[in-house]
Amino acid sequence: MRFAVAFEQHNATLSAATMVTLSAEQLDTVRRLNSLDLELYEFAKNLAFQRFKRLRDRDPHFVQRFQHLGELPSRQSVTEFNWDSVIEDTTE
């Protein structure tokens, strides 16, 4: 993605290096203890994709806007747009 303000992103974590040092029993314990976290993550990910699809389907200029995502307004050639004005939060 393109962001208006650059930042450094690290894709590897210390936990990735630690995973290879754990025994099968320790891995099972970690998975068991994190099962609700994983369930919540899957729920949130699915909800985000559903909302994204609704936004995409409701915006006839979605492709053009998405191509310019992250650009500063002064550099955009598309009309001003506010996602909050078109989304309905159906989770309440």
N, C-alpha and C. Protein backbone atom coordinates (compact mmCIF):
# COMPACT_ATOMS: atom_id res chain seq x y z
N MET A 1 0.84 -1.18 0.00
CA MET A 1 0.00 0.00 0.00
C MET A 1 0.88 1.24 0.00
N ARG A 2 0.32 2.30 -0.48
CA ARG A 2 1.02 3.58 -0.47
C ARG A 2 0.46 4.42 0.68
N PHE A 3 1.34 4.91 1.52
CA PHE A 3 0.93 5.75 2.63
C PHE A 3 1.48 7.15 2.42
N ALA A 4 0.74 8.15 2.89
CA ALA A 4 1.17 9.53 2.73
C ALA A 4 2.43 9.80 3.53
N VAL A 5 2.58 9.15 4.65
CA VAL A 5 3.77 9.31 5.48
C VAL A 5 4.53 7.98 5.48
N ALA A 6 5.77 8.03 5.02
CA ALA A 6 6.57 6.80 4.95
C ALA A 6 6.92 6.30 6.35
N PHE A 7 6.98 5.00 6.49
CA PHE A 7 7.41 4.41 7.74
C PHE A 7 8.13 3.10 7.43
N GLU A 8 8.94 2.67 8.38
CA GLU A 8 9.69 1.44 8.21
C GLU A 8 8.87 0.28 8.75
N GLN A 9 8.73 -0.76 7.96
CA GLN A 9 7.94 -1.91 8.39
C GLN A 9 8.83 -3.15 8.42
N HIS A 10 8.74 -3.88 9.51
CA HIS A 10 9.49 -5.12 9.66
C HIS A 10 8.51 -6.28 9.57
N ASN A 11 8.75 -7.20 8.64
CA ASN A 11 7.83 -8.31 8.44
C ASN A 11 8.13 -9.52 9.32
N ALA A 12 9.29 -9.56 9.91
CA ALA A 12 9.64 -10.69 10.77
C ALA A 12 9.55 -10.27 12.23
N THR A 13 9.20 -11.21 13.05
CA THR A 13 9.12 -10.92 14.48
C THR A 13 10.04 -11.86 15.23
N LEU A 14 10.28 -11.54 16.47
CA LEU A 14 11.09 -12.42 17.31
C LEU A 14 10.40 -13.75 17.54
N SER A 15 9.08 -13.75 17.54
CA SER A 15 8.36 -15.00 17.79
C SER A 15 8.60 -16.01 16.67
N ALA A 16 8.81 -15.54 15.45
CA ALA A 16 9.07 -16.45 14.34
C ALA A 16 10.36 -17.24 14.58
N ALA A 17 11.37 -16.58 15.11
CA ALA A 17 12.63 -17.25 15.40
C ALA A 17 12.48 -18.21 16.58
N THR A 18 11.61 -17.88 17.50
CA THR A 18 11.41 -18.71 18.69
C THR A 18 10.62 -19.98 18.36
N MET A 19 9.71 -19.89 17.40
CA MET A 19 8.84 -21.02 17.07
C MET A 19 9.63 -22.28 16.76
N VAL A 20 10.75 -22.16 16.07
CA VAL A 20 11.53 -23.34 15.68
C VAL A 20 12.21 -24.01 16.88
N THR A 21 12.29 -23.30 17.99
CA THR A 21 12.95 -23.87 19.17
C THR A 21 11.98 -24.57 20.12
N LEU A 22 10.67 -24.48 19.85
CA LEU A 22 9.67 -25.07 20.74
C LEU A 22 9.44 -26.54 20.43
N SER A 23 9.14 -27.29 21.46
CA SER A 23 8.79 -28.70 21.27
C SER A 23 7.34 -28.79 20.77
N ALA A 24 6.95 -29.97 20.31
CA ALA A 24 5.58 -30.18 19.84
C ALA A 24 4.59 -29.91 20.96
N GLU A 25 4.92 -30.33 22.17
CA GLU A 25 4.04 -30.11 23.32
C GLU A 25 3.89 -28.61 23.62
N GLN A 26 4.98 -27.88 23.54
CA GLN A 26 4.93 -26.43 23.78
C GLN A 26 4.10 -25.74 22.70
N LEU A 27 4.26 -26.17 21.45
CA LEU A 27 3.46 -25.59 20.36
C LEU A 27 1.98 -25.84 20.57
N ASP A 28 1.63 -27.05 20.98
CA ASP A 28 0.23 -27.37 21.26
C ASP A 28 -0.33 -26.49 22.37
N THR A 29 0.47 -26.26 23.40
CA THR A 29 0.05 -25.40 24.51
C THR A 29 -0.19 -23.97 24.03
N VAL A 30 0.72 -23.45 23.23
CA VAL A 30 0.56 -22.10 22.69
C VAL A 30 -0.70 -22.01 21.85
N ARG A 31 -0.92 -22.99 20.98
CA ARG A 31 -2.12 -22.99 20.13
C ARG A 31 -3.40 -23.04 20.98
N ARG A 32 -3.38 -23.89 22.01
CA ARG A 32 -4.55 -24.02 22.87
C ARG A 32 -4.83 -22.70 23.61
N LEU A 33 -3.79 -22.09 24.14
CA LEU A 33 -3.96 -20.84 24.89
C LEU A 33 -4.35 -19.67 23.99
N ASN A 34 -4.02 -19.75 22.72
CA ASN A 34 -4.33 -18.66 21.79
C ASN A 34 -5.54 -18.95 20.91
N SER A 35 -6.26 -20.02 21.17
CA SER A 35 -7.36 -20.40 20.29
C SER A 35 -8.43 -19.31 20.20
N LEU A 36 -8.76 -18.67 21.31
CA LEU A 36 -9.77 -17.61 21.28
C LEU A 36 -9.26 -16.38 20.55
N ASP A 37 -7.97 -16.09 20.68
CA ASP A 37 -7.38 -14.97 19.93
C ASP A 37 -7.48 -15.23 18.43
N LEU A 38 -7.19 -16.47 18.03
CA LEU A 38 -7.26 -16.82 16.61
C LEU A 38 -8.70 -16.76 16.11
N GLU A 39 -9.64 -17.20 16.93
CA GLU A 39 -11.05 -17.14 16.56
C GLU A 39 -11.49 -15.68 16.39
N LEU A 40 -11.10 -14.82 17.32
CA LEU A 40 -11.42 -13.40 17.23
C LEU A 40 -10.79 -12.77 15.99
N TYR A 41 -9.55 -13.13 15.70
CA TYR A 41 -8.86 -12.61 14.52
C TYR A 41 -9.62 -13.00 13.25
N GLU A 42 -10.02 -14.26 13.14
CA GLU A 42 -10.76 -14.71 11.95
C GLU A 42 -12.09 -13.96 11.82
N PHE A 43 -12.79 -13.78 12.94
CA PHE A 43 -14.05 -13.05 12.91
C PHE A 43 -13.83 -11.62 12.43
N ALA A 44 -12.83 -10.94 13.00
CA ALA A 44 -12.54 -9.55 12.64
C ALA A 44 -12.11 -9.45 11.18
N LYS A 45 -11.31 -10.39 10.72
CA LYS A 45 -10.85 -10.37 9.33
C LYS A 45 -12.04 -10.54 8.38
N ASN A 46 -12.93 -11.48 8.68
CA ASN A 46 -14.12 -11.68 7.84
C ASN A 46 -15.02 -10.45 7.85
N LEU A 47 -15.20 -9.84 9.02
CA LEU A 47 -16.01 -8.63 9.11
C LEU A 47 -15.41 -7.50 8.29
N ALA A 48 -14.09 -7.34 8.36
CA ALA A 48 -13.42 -6.29 7.59
C ALA A 48 -13.60 -6.52 6.09
N PHE A 49 -13.47 -7.76 5.65
CA PHE A 49 -13.65 -8.06 4.22
C PHE A 49 -15.09 -7.83 3.79
N GLN A 50 -16.06 -8.16 4.64
CA GLN A 50 -17.47 -7.90 4.32
C GLN A 50 -17.72 -6.41 4.15
N ARG A 51 -17.19 -5.61 5.07
CA ARG A 51 -17.37 -4.16 5.00
C ARG A 51 -16.67 -3.59 3.77
N PHE A 52 -15.48 -4.08 3.49
CA PHE A 52 -14.74 -3.62 2.32
C PHE A 52 -15.53 -3.93 1.05
N LYS A 53 -16.10 -5.13 0.96
CA LYS A 53 -16.88 -5.50 -0.21
C LYS A 53 -18.11 -4.61 -0.35
N ARG A 54 -18.78 -4.31 0.78
CA ARG A 54 -19.95 -3.41 0.72
C ARG A 54 -19.55 -2.03 0.20
N LEU A 55 -18.43 -1.51 0.69
CA LEU A 55 -17.96 -0.21 0.21
C LEU A 55 -17.64 -0.26 -1.27
N ARG A 56 -16.93 -1.31 -1.68
CA ARG A 56 -16.55 -1.46 -3.08
C ARG A 56 -17.79 -1.53 -3.97
N ASP A 57 -18.78 -2.30 -3.55
CA ASP A 57 -19.98 -2.48 -4.35
C ASP A 57 -20.83 -1.21 -4.44
N ARG A 58 -20.74 -0.34 -3.43
CA ARG A 58 -21.56 0.87 -3.41
C ARG A 58 -20.91 2.06 -4.09
N ASP A 59 -19.63 1.97 -4.42
CA ASP A 59 -18.90 3.10 -5.00
C ASP A 59 -18.60 2.85 -6.47
N PRO A 60 -19.28 3.53 -7.38
CA PRO A 60 -19.03 3.31 -8.81
C PRO A 60 -17.63 3.73 -9.25
N HIS A 61 -16.95 4.52 -8.44
CA HIS A 61 -15.59 4.99 -8.78
C HIS A 61 -14.53 4.29 -7.93
N PHE A 62 -14.88 3.12 -7.39
CA PHE A 62 -13.99 2.44 -6.46
C PHE A 62 -12.60 2.19 -7.04
N VAL A 63 -12.52 1.65 -8.24
CA VAL A 63 -11.23 1.29 -8.83
C VAL A 63 -10.33 2.52 -8.93
N GLN A 64 -10.88 3.62 -9.41
CA GLN A 64 -10.10 4.85 -9.54
C GLN A 64 -9.65 5.34 -8.16
N ARG A 65 -10.55 5.33 -7.20
CA ARG A 65 -10.20 5.80 -5.86
C ARG A 65 -9.15 4.88 -5.22
N PHE A 66 -9.29 3.58 -5.39
CA PHE A 66 -8.36 2.63 -4.79
C PHE A 66 -6.96 2.79 -5.39
N GLN A 67 -6.89 3.09 -6.68
CA GLN A 67 -5.59 3.29 -7.33
C GLN A 67 -4.87 4.51 -6.77
N HIS A 68 -5.60 5.46 -6.21
CA HIS A 68 -5.00 6.68 -5.68
C HIS A 68 -4.96 6.68 -4.15
N LEU A 69 -5.25 5.54 -3.54
CA LEU A 69 -5.24 5.43 -2.10
C LEU A 69 -3.87 5.77 -1.54
N GLY A 70 -3.84 6.62 -0.55
CA GLY A 70 -2.58 7.00 0.09
C GLY A 70 -1.93 8.23 -0.48
N GLU A 71 -2.46 8.74 -1.58
CA GLU A 71 -1.90 9.97 -2.14
C GLU A 71 -2.43 11.16 -1.37
N LEU A 72 -1.64 12.20 -1.32
CA LEU A 72 -2.09 13.42 -0.66
C LEU A 72 -3.16 14.08 -1.51
N PRO A 73 -4.17 14.70 -0.88
CA PRO A 73 -5.28 15.30 -1.63
C PRO A 73 -4.83 16.27 -2.72
N SER A 74 -3.75 17.01 -2.49
CA SER A 74 -3.31 17.98 -3.49
C SER A 74 -2.82 17.30 -4.76
N ARG A 75 -2.49 16.02 -4.69
CA ARG A 75 -1.99 15.31 -5.86
C ARG A 75 -3.07 14.45 -6.51
N GLN A 76 -4.23 14.36 -5.93
CA GLN A 76 -5.27 13.48 -6.47
C GLN A 76 -6.01 14.16 -7.61
N SER A 77 -6.36 13.35 -8.59
CA SER A 77 -7.17 13.85 -9.69
C SER A 77 -8.61 13.38 -9.58
N VAL A 78 -8.94 12.68 -8.48
CA VAL A 78 -10.29 12.19 -8.29
C VAL A 78 -11.05 13.15 -7.38
N THR A 79 -12.35 13.03 -7.40
CA THR A 79 -13.17 13.89 -6.56
C THR A 79 -13.00 13.52 -5.10
N GLU A 80 -13.25 14.48 -4.22
CA GLU A 80 -13.13 14.21 -2.79
C GLU A 80 -14.19 13.21 -2.38
N PHE A 81 -13.83 12.32 -1.50
CA PHE A 81 -14.71 11.23 -1.12
C PHE A 81 -14.55 10.95 0.36
N ASN A 82 -15.63 10.62 1.02
CA ASN A 82 -15.61 10.31 2.44
C ASN A 82 -16.29 8.96 2.65
N TRP A 83 -15.50 7.93 3.01
CA TRP A 83 -16.06 6.60 3.20
C TRP A 83 -17.17 6.61 4.24
N ASP A 84 -17.05 7.42 5.26
CA ASP A 84 -18.04 7.43 6.33
C ASP A 84 -19.42 7.87 5.84
N SER A 85 -19.46 8.59 4.74
CA SER A 85 -20.75 9.05 4.24
C SER A 85 -21.49 7.97 3.46
N VAL A 86 -20.82 6.86 3.13
CA VAL A 86 -21.49 5.83 2.35
C VAL A 86 -21.63 4.50 3.07
N ILE A 87 -20.97 4.34 4.20
CA ILE A 87 -21.05 3.05 4.88
C ILE A 87 -22.10 3.09 5.98
N GLU A 88 -22.81 1.99 6.10
CA GLU A 88 -23.77 1.84 7.18
C GLU A 88 -23.22 0.76 8.09
N ASP A 89 -23.06 1.06 9.35
CA ASP A 89 -22.54 0.07 10.29
C ASP A 89 -23.68 -0.82 10.74
N THR A 90 -23.66 -2.06 10.26
CA THR A 90 -24.74 -3.00 10.58
C THR A 90 -24.42 -3.87 11.78
N THR A 91 -23.34 -3.54 12.50
CA THR A 91 -22.97 -4.36 13.65
C THR A 91 -23.59 -3.86 14.94
N GLU A 92 -24.22 -2.73 14.92
CA GLU A 92 -24.78 -2.17 16.15
C GLU A 92 -26.14 -2.75 16.44
